[in-house]
Amino acid sequence: MKISEQGINLIKHFESCKLIAYKCEAGVKTIGFGHTENVDNGMVISEANAIRLLKDDLKRFEAQIDKLALSINQNQYDALVSFTFNLGIGNLQSSTLLKKIKENPDNLEIAGEFIKWINAGGEKLRGLLLRRLTEAVLYFS
């Protein structure tokens, strides 16, 4: 599968586009739409480069979700790519969220599992809560 425009737009909304390198709330050097590889202090890119980096990054996350061989629909896939883009495949692989999806991808308890992932730097973040709620809504739509 590939992430849809709806999924890409969800990621763009929550990552927002920053053309000058910065440290995210978790203290990671970031640029564009949440790109974190080979980012240096003071780095500047164009919006076209930010979009290219996002699409390149998404290929890696799509491949990681594909390897899980889940029986899910496009919206569920998009929600999981967004989740993994934000938190990493290791967190998804070790989560009760993934366990419940494997058992029954339509289990309504899955929504509550998304919501558990709202902390960064030891703090509950409103932005992460909104993102997880949006991912859960997308997952079940």
N, C-alpha and C. Protein backbone atom coordinates (compact mmCIF):
# COMPACT_ATOMS: atom_id res chain seq x y z
N MET A 1 0.84 -1.19 0.00
CA MET A 1 0.00 0.00 0.00
C MET A 1 0.88 1.25 0.00
N LYS A 2 0.25 2.35 -0.29
CA LYS A 2 0.91 3.66 -0.21
C LYS A 2 -0.02 4.59 0.55
N ILE A 3 0.56 5.51 1.29
CA ILE A 3 -0.24 6.48 2.02
C ILE A 3 -1.01 7.35 1.03
N SER A 4 -2.24 7.68 1.36
CA SER A 4 -3.08 8.50 0.49
C SER A 4 -2.80 9.98 0.74
N GLU A 5 -3.36 10.83 -0.13
CA GLU A 5 -3.24 12.27 0.07
C GLU A 5 -3.83 12.68 1.41
N GLN A 6 -4.91 12.03 1.83
CA GLN A 6 -5.52 12.32 3.13
C GLN A 6 -4.52 12.06 4.25
N GLY A 7 -3.81 10.95 4.17
CA GLY A 7 -2.80 10.63 5.18
C GLY A 7 -1.63 11.60 5.15
N ILE A 8 -1.19 11.96 3.94
CA ILE A 8 -0.10 12.93 3.81
C ILE A 8 -0.52 14.27 4.39
N ASN A 9 -1.75 14.68 4.11
CA ASN A 9 -2.23 15.96 4.64
C ASN A 9 -2.33 15.95 6.16
N LEU A 10 -2.68 14.82 6.75
CA LEU A 10 -2.71 14.70 8.22
C LEU A 10 -1.31 14.94 8.77
N ILE A 11 -0.33 14.29 8.17
CA ILE A 11 1.06 14.44 8.63
C ILE A 11 1.52 15.89 8.44
N LYS A 12 1.24 16.46 7.29
CA LYS A 12 1.63 17.84 7.03
C LYS A 12 1.02 18.78 8.07
N HIS A 13 -0.24 18.56 8.39
CA HIS A 13 -0.93 19.42 9.35
C HIS A 13 -0.24 19.39 10.72
N PHE A 14 0.05 18.20 11.19
CA PHE A 14 0.62 18.10 12.54
C PHE A 14 2.11 18.37 12.58
N GLU A 15 2.81 18.10 11.52
CA GLU A 15 4.24 18.40 11.51
C GLU A 15 4.47 19.87 11.18
N SER A 16 3.62 20.43 10.38
CA SER A 16 3.76 21.78 9.81
C SER A 16 5.11 21.88 9.10
N CYS A 17 5.24 22.88 8.26
CA CYS A 17 6.45 23.01 7.45
C CYS A 17 7.33 24.12 8.00
N LYS A 18 8.50 23.74 8.42
CA LYS A 18 9.48 24.72 8.91
C LYS A 18 10.70 24.61 8.03
N LEU A 19 11.02 25.69 7.36
CA LEU A 19 12.09 25.68 6.36
C LEU A 19 13.46 25.96 6.95
N ILE A 20 13.51 26.30 8.23
CA ILE A 20 14.77 26.50 8.95
C ILE A 20 14.86 25.44 10.03
N ALA A 21 16.00 24.80 10.15
CA ALA A 21 16.18 23.72 11.13
C ALA A 21 15.87 24.22 12.54
N TYR A 22 15.28 23.33 13.33
CA TYR A 22 14.91 23.64 14.71
C TYR A 22 14.95 22.35 15.52
N LYS A 23 14.85 22.48 16.84
CA LYS A 23 14.73 21.30 17.69
C LYS A 23 13.26 21.13 18.05
N CYS A 24 12.72 19.94 17.78
CA CYS A 24 11.32 19.66 18.10
C CYS A 24 11.16 19.54 19.61
N GLU A 25 9.91 19.36 20.04
CA GLU A 25 9.62 19.29 21.48
C GLU A 25 10.36 18.15 22.18
N ALA A 26 10.74 17.12 21.41
CA ALA A 26 11.50 16.01 21.98
C ALA A 26 13.01 16.26 21.90
N GLY A 27 13.43 17.45 21.41
CA GLY A 27 14.84 17.82 21.37
C GLY A 27 15.60 17.31 20.16
N VAL A 28 14.90 16.89 19.10
CA VAL A 28 15.54 16.35 17.90
C VAL A 28 15.63 17.42 16.82
N LYS A 29 16.80 17.55 16.19
CA LYS A 29 16.96 18.51 15.08
C LYS A 29 16.03 18.09 13.94
N THR A 30 15.24 19.04 13.46
CA THR A 30 14.18 18.76 12.50
C THR A 30 14.10 19.89 11.48
N ILE A 31 13.61 19.55 10.28
CA ILE A 31 13.37 20.56 9.24
C ILE A 31 12.24 20.06 8.35
N GLY A 32 11.62 20.99 7.62
CA GLY A 32 10.54 20.61 6.71
C GLY A 32 9.35 20.07 7.48
N PHE A 33 8.77 18.99 6.99
CA PHE A 33 7.63 18.33 7.63
C PHE A 33 8.12 17.19 8.52
N GLY A 34 8.86 17.51 9.56
CA GLY A 34 9.30 16.49 10.50
C GLY A 34 10.48 15.65 10.04
N HIS A 35 11.25 16.13 9.08
CA HIS A 35 12.42 15.39 8.61
C HIS A 35 13.54 15.53 9.64
N THR A 36 14.17 14.40 10.00
CA THR A 36 15.17 14.43 11.07
C THR A 36 16.54 13.88 10.67
N GLU A 37 16.69 13.36 9.48
CA GLU A 37 17.99 12.79 9.08
C GLU A 37 18.90 13.85 8.49
N ASN A 38 20.14 13.86 8.94
CA ASN A 38 21.17 14.77 8.41
C ASN A 38 20.76 16.24 8.47
N VAL A 39 20.16 16.63 9.59
CA VAL A 39 19.75 18.02 9.79
C VAL A 39 20.82 18.71 10.63
N ASP A 40 21.31 19.84 10.13
CA ASP A 40 22.33 20.61 10.85
C ASP A 40 21.73 21.92 11.34
N ASN A 41 22.29 22.45 12.42
CA ASN A 41 21.86 23.75 12.93
C ASN A 41 21.99 24.79 11.82
N GLY A 42 20.99 25.64 11.69
CA GLY A 42 21.03 26.71 10.70
C GLY A 42 20.67 26.29 9.28
N MET A 43 20.40 25.02 9.09
CA MET A 43 20.05 24.51 7.76
C MET A 43 18.76 25.17 7.27
N VAL A 44 18.71 25.52 5.97
CA VAL A 44 17.54 26.14 5.35
C VAL A 44 17.23 25.38 4.07
N ILE A 45 15.92 25.08 3.84
CA ILE A 45 15.50 24.41 2.61
C ILE A 45 14.30 25.15 2.03
N SER A 46 13.96 24.81 0.79
CA SER A 46 12.77 25.37 0.15
C SER A 46 11.56 24.51 0.48
N GLU A 47 10.36 25.03 0.24
CA GLU A 47 9.16 24.24 0.47
C GLU A 47 9.13 23.03 -0.46
N ALA A 48 9.60 23.19 -1.70
CA ALA A 48 9.66 22.06 -2.63
C ALA A 48 10.56 20.95 -2.07
N ASN A 49 11.69 21.34 -1.48
CA ASN A 49 12.58 20.34 -0.85
C ASN A 49 11.92 19.69 0.36
N ALA A 50 11.16 20.47 1.12
CA ALA A 50 10.46 19.93 2.29
C ALA A 50 9.47 18.85 1.85
N ILE A 51 8.75 19.10 0.78
CA ILE A 51 7.79 18.12 0.26
C ILE A 51 8.51 16.89 -0.27
N ARG A 52 9.63 17.09 -0.96
CA ARG A 52 10.41 15.96 -1.46
C ARG A 52 10.94 15.10 -0.31
N LEU A 53 11.46 15.76 0.73
CA LEU A 53 11.96 15.02 1.90
C LEU A 53 10.84 14.23 2.57
N LEU A 54 9.66 14.84 2.69
CA LEU A 54 8.52 14.15 3.31
C LEU A 54 8.18 12.90 2.50
N LYS A 55 8.06 13.04 1.20
CA LYS A 55 7.69 11.89 0.36
C LYS A 55 8.76 10.81 0.42
N ASP A 56 10.02 11.20 0.46
CA ASP A 56 11.10 10.22 0.61
C ASP A 56 11.02 9.53 1.96
N ASP A 57 10.79 10.30 3.02
CA ASP A 57 10.67 9.73 4.37
C ASP A 57 9.49 8.76 4.44
N LEU A 58 8.38 9.12 3.82
CA LEU A 58 7.18 8.29 3.90
C LEU A 58 7.39 6.92 3.27
N LYS A 59 8.23 6.81 2.27
CA LYS A 59 8.51 5.51 1.64
C LYS A 59 9.05 4.53 2.67
N ARG A 60 9.92 5.01 3.54
CA ARG A 60 10.50 4.15 4.57
C ARG A 60 9.43 3.68 5.56
N PHE A 61 8.53 4.58 5.95
CA PHE A 61 7.49 4.22 6.90
C PHE A 61 6.43 3.32 6.27
N GLU A 62 6.13 3.55 5.00
CA GLU A 62 5.21 2.66 4.28
C GLU A 62 5.78 1.25 4.26
N ALA A 63 7.06 1.13 3.95
CA ALA A 63 7.70 -0.19 3.89
C ALA A 63 7.65 -0.88 5.25
N GLN A 64 7.84 -0.12 6.32
CA GLN A 64 7.79 -0.70 7.66
C GLN A 64 6.39 -1.22 7.99
N ILE A 65 5.37 -0.46 7.63
CA ILE A 65 4.00 -0.91 7.89
C ILE A 65 3.68 -2.10 6.99
N ASP A 66 4.11 -2.05 5.73
CA ASP A 66 3.86 -3.16 4.81
C ASP A 66 4.45 -4.47 5.34
N LYS A 67 5.63 -4.41 5.94
CA LYS A 67 6.28 -5.62 6.48
C LYS A 67 5.45 -6.29 7.57
N LEU A 68 4.58 -5.53 8.21
CA LEU A 68 3.75 -6.10 9.28
C LEU A 68 2.63 -6.99 8.72
N ALA A 69 2.37 -6.88 7.42
CA ALA A 69 1.37 -7.71 6.73
C ALA A 69 0.01 -7.71 7.45
N LEU A 70 -0.47 -6.52 7.75
CA LEU A 70 -1.75 -6.37 8.44
C LEU A 70 -2.91 -6.40 7.45
N SER A 71 -4.04 -6.88 7.89
CA SER A 71 -5.26 -6.86 7.07
C SER A 71 -6.04 -5.61 7.43
N ILE A 72 -5.65 -4.48 6.81
CA ILE A 72 -6.25 -3.20 7.15
C ILE A 72 -6.64 -2.45 5.87
N ASN A 73 -7.54 -1.47 6.04
CA ASN A 73 -7.97 -0.67 4.89
C ASN A 73 -7.08 0.58 4.75
N GLN A 74 -7.36 1.40 3.73
CA GLN A 74 -6.53 2.56 3.45
C GLN A 74 -6.49 3.55 4.61
N ASN A 75 -7.62 3.84 5.23
CA ASN A 75 -7.63 4.80 6.35
C ASN A 75 -6.84 4.27 7.54
N GLN A 76 -6.96 2.99 7.80
CA GLN A 76 -6.21 2.39 8.90
C GLN A 76 -4.71 2.45 8.59
N TYR A 77 -4.37 2.16 7.37
CA TYR A 77 -2.97 2.23 6.92
C TYR A 77 -2.43 3.65 7.09
N ASP A 78 -3.19 4.64 6.62
CA ASP A 78 -2.75 6.03 6.72
C ASP A 78 -2.52 6.42 8.18
N ALA A 79 -3.43 6.03 9.06
CA ALA A 79 -3.29 6.35 10.48
C ALA A 79 -2.03 5.73 11.06
N LEU A 80 -1.73 4.49 10.67
CA LEU A 80 -0.53 3.82 11.19
C LEU A 80 0.75 4.40 10.62
N VAL A 81 0.74 4.83 9.37
CA VAL A 81 1.92 5.48 8.80
C VAL A 81 2.17 6.79 9.55
N SER A 82 1.11 7.56 9.81
CA SER A 82 1.26 8.81 10.56
C SER A 82 1.82 8.54 11.96
N PHE A 83 1.25 7.56 12.65
CA PHE A 83 1.70 7.19 13.99
C PHE A 83 3.18 6.81 13.97
N THR A 84 3.56 5.98 13.01
CA THR A 84 4.93 5.50 12.91
C THR A 84 5.89 6.61 12.50
N PHE A 85 5.44 7.49 11.61
CA PHE A 85 6.24 8.64 11.21
C PHE A 85 6.58 9.48 12.43
N ASN A 86 5.64 9.64 13.33
CA ASN A 86 5.81 10.47 14.51
C ASN A 86 6.58 9.77 15.63
N LEU A 87 6.35 8.48 15.82
CA LEU A 87 6.88 7.77 16.98
C LEU A 87 7.91 6.69 16.69
N GLY A 88 8.02 6.29 15.43
CA GLY A 88 8.98 5.25 15.07
C GLY A 88 8.38 3.86 15.07
N ILE A 89 8.93 3.00 14.24
CA ILE A 89 8.41 1.64 14.10
C ILE A 89 8.62 0.82 15.38
N GLY A 90 9.69 1.07 16.10
CA GLY A 90 9.94 0.31 17.33
C GLY A 90 8.83 0.50 18.35
N ASN A 91 8.35 1.73 18.49
CA ASN A 91 7.25 1.97 19.42
C ASN A 91 5.98 1.27 18.97
N LEU A 92 5.71 1.28 17.68
CA LEU A 92 4.53 0.57 17.19
C LEU A 92 4.67 -0.93 17.42
N GLN A 93 5.83 -1.48 17.09
CA GLN A 93 6.03 -2.92 17.21
C GLN A 93 5.89 -3.42 18.64
N SER A 94 6.25 -2.60 19.61
CA SER A 94 6.17 -3.02 21.02
C SER A 94 4.86 -2.62 21.68
N SER A 95 3.93 -2.06 20.91
CA SER A 95 2.71 -1.50 21.50
C SER A 95 1.56 -2.48 21.59
N THR A 96 0.70 -2.22 22.55
CA THR A 96 -0.57 -2.93 22.64
C THR A 96 -1.45 -2.55 21.45
N LEU A 97 -1.26 -1.35 20.93
CA LEU A 97 -1.98 -0.91 19.74
C LEU A 97 -1.82 -1.94 18.62
N LEU A 98 -0.58 -2.28 18.30
CA LEU A 98 -0.33 -3.24 17.22
C LEU A 98 -0.88 -4.62 17.58
N LYS A 99 -0.73 -5.03 18.81
CA LYS A 99 -1.25 -6.33 19.25
C LYS A 99 -2.75 -6.40 18.99
N LYS A 100 -3.47 -5.36 19.36
CA LYS A 100 -4.92 -5.35 19.18
C LYS A 100 -5.30 -5.31 17.70
N ILE A 101 -4.53 -4.58 16.89
CA ILE A 101 -4.80 -4.53 15.45
C ILE A 101 -4.61 -5.92 14.84
N LYS A 102 -3.57 -6.62 15.25
CA LYS A 102 -3.33 -7.96 14.72
C LYS A 102 -4.44 -8.92 15.12
N GLU A 103 -4.95 -8.77 16.35
CA GLU A 103 -6.03 -9.64 16.82
C GLU A 103 -7.34 -9.36 16.09
N ASN A 104 -7.66 -8.09 15.94
CA ASN A 104 -8.91 -7.69 15.29
C ASN A 104 -8.81 -6.21 14.93
N PRO A 105 -8.54 -5.88 13.67
CA PRO A 105 -8.34 -4.48 13.30
C PRO A 105 -9.58 -3.59 13.49
N ASP A 106 -10.73 -4.19 13.75
CA ASP A 106 -11.95 -3.41 13.97
C ASP A 106 -12.31 -3.27 15.45
N ASN A 107 -11.45 -3.73 16.33
CA ASN A 107 -11.68 -3.64 17.78
C ASN A 107 -11.70 -2.17 18.20
N LEU A 108 -12.80 -1.72 18.78
CA LEU A 108 -12.93 -0.31 19.16
C LEU A 108 -11.94 0.10 20.25
N GLU A 109 -11.38 -0.85 20.98
CA GLU A 109 -10.37 -0.54 22.00
C GLU A 109 -9.11 0.08 21.37
N ILE A 110 -8.94 -0.10 20.09
CA ILE A 110 -7.77 0.43 19.39
C ILE A 110 -7.71 1.95 19.52
N ALA A 111 -8.86 2.61 19.50
CA ALA A 111 -8.88 4.08 19.64
C ALA A 111 -8.20 4.50 20.94
N GLY A 112 -8.47 3.81 22.01
CA GLY A 112 -7.85 4.12 23.29
C GLY A 112 -6.35 3.86 23.30
N GLU A 113 -5.90 2.93 22.48
CA GLU A 113 -4.47 2.63 22.40
C GLU A 113 -3.72 3.76 21.71
N PHE A 114 -4.33 4.39 20.71
CA PHE A 114 -3.70 5.56 20.08
C PHE A 114 -3.46 6.64 21.13
N ILE A 115 -4.45 6.87 21.98
CA ILE A 115 -4.43 7.98 22.93
C ILE A 115 -3.35 7.81 24.00
N LYS A 116 -2.86 6.61 24.19
CA LYS A 116 -1.81 6.39 25.19
C LYS A 116 -0.48 7.05 24.80
N TRP A 117 -0.33 7.43 23.54
CA TRP A 117 0.95 7.92 23.02
C TRP A 117 0.94 9.43 22.87
N ILE A 118 0.86 10.14 24.00
CA ILE A 118 0.76 11.60 23.96
C ILE A 118 1.87 12.29 24.76
N ASN A 119 2.89 11.56 25.14
CA ASN A 119 3.97 12.12 25.94
C ASN A 119 5.23 12.35 25.10
N ALA A 120 5.92 13.43 25.41
CA ALA A 120 7.24 13.69 24.83
C ALA A 120 8.05 14.42 25.90
N GLY A 121 9.25 13.99 26.10
CA GLY A 121 10.09 14.61 27.11
C GLY A 121 9.48 14.51 28.51
N GLY A 122 8.73 13.43 28.76
CA GLY A 122 8.13 13.21 30.06
C GLY A 122 6.87 14.02 30.33
N GLU A 123 6.38 14.74 29.32
CA GLU A 123 5.18 15.57 29.50
C GLU A 123 4.09 15.16 28.52
N LYS A 124 2.83 15.28 28.98
CA LYS A 124 1.70 15.10 28.09
C LYS A 124 1.58 16.36 27.25
N LEU A 125 1.52 16.19 25.93
CA LEU A 125 1.46 17.34 25.03
C LEU A 125 0.11 17.41 24.33
N ARG A 126 -0.48 18.58 24.35
CA ARG A 126 -1.78 18.79 23.71
C ARG A 126 -1.72 18.48 22.21
N GLY A 127 -0.64 18.89 21.56
CA GLY A 127 -0.48 18.62 20.13
C GLY A 127 -0.47 17.14 19.82
N LEU A 128 0.19 16.35 20.68
CA LEU A 128 0.19 14.90 20.47
C LEU A 128 -1.17 14.30 20.74
N LEU A 129 -1.87 14.82 21.73
CA LEU A 129 -3.23 14.35 22.00
C LEU A 129 -4.12 14.59 20.78
N LEU A 130 -4.05 15.79 20.21
CA LEU A 130 -4.85 16.10 19.03
C LEU A 130 -4.47 15.21 17.84
N ARG A 131 -3.18 14.95 17.69
CA ARG A 131 -2.74 14.08 16.60
C ARG A 131 -3.26 12.66 16.78
N ARG A 132 -3.12 12.12 17.99
CA ARG A 132 -3.58 10.75 18.25
C ARG A 132 -5.10 10.65 18.08
N LEU A 133 -5.84 11.66 18.52
CA LEU A 133 -7.30 11.66 18.32
C LEU A 133 -7.63 11.67 16.83
N THR A 134 -6.92 12.48 16.06
CA THR A 134 -7.16 12.56 14.62
C THR A 134 -6.80 11.23 13.95
N GLU A 135 -5.70 10.62 14.36
CA GLU A 135 -5.33 9.31 13.81
C GLU A 135 -6.38 8.26 14.14
N ALA A 136 -6.87 8.28 15.37
CA ALA A 136 -7.89 7.30 15.77
C ALA A 136 -9.18 7.50 14.96
N VAL A 137 -9.59 8.75 14.77
CA VAL A 137 -10.79 9.03 13.97
C VAL A 137 -10.58 8.54 12.54
N LEU A 138 -9.42 8.85 11.96
CA LEU A 138 -9.11 8.38 10.61
C LEU A 138 -9.12 6.86 10.55
N TYR A 139 -8.50 6.24 11.52
CA TYR A 139 -8.42 4.78 11.56
C TYR A 139 -9.81 4.13 11.47
N PHE A 140 -10.77 4.72 12.16
CA PHE A 140 -12.11 4.14 12.20
C PHE A 140 -13.07 4.75 11.19
N SER A 141 -12.59 5.59 10.30
CA SER A 141 -13.50 6.18 9.30
C SER A 141 -13.49 5.41 8.00
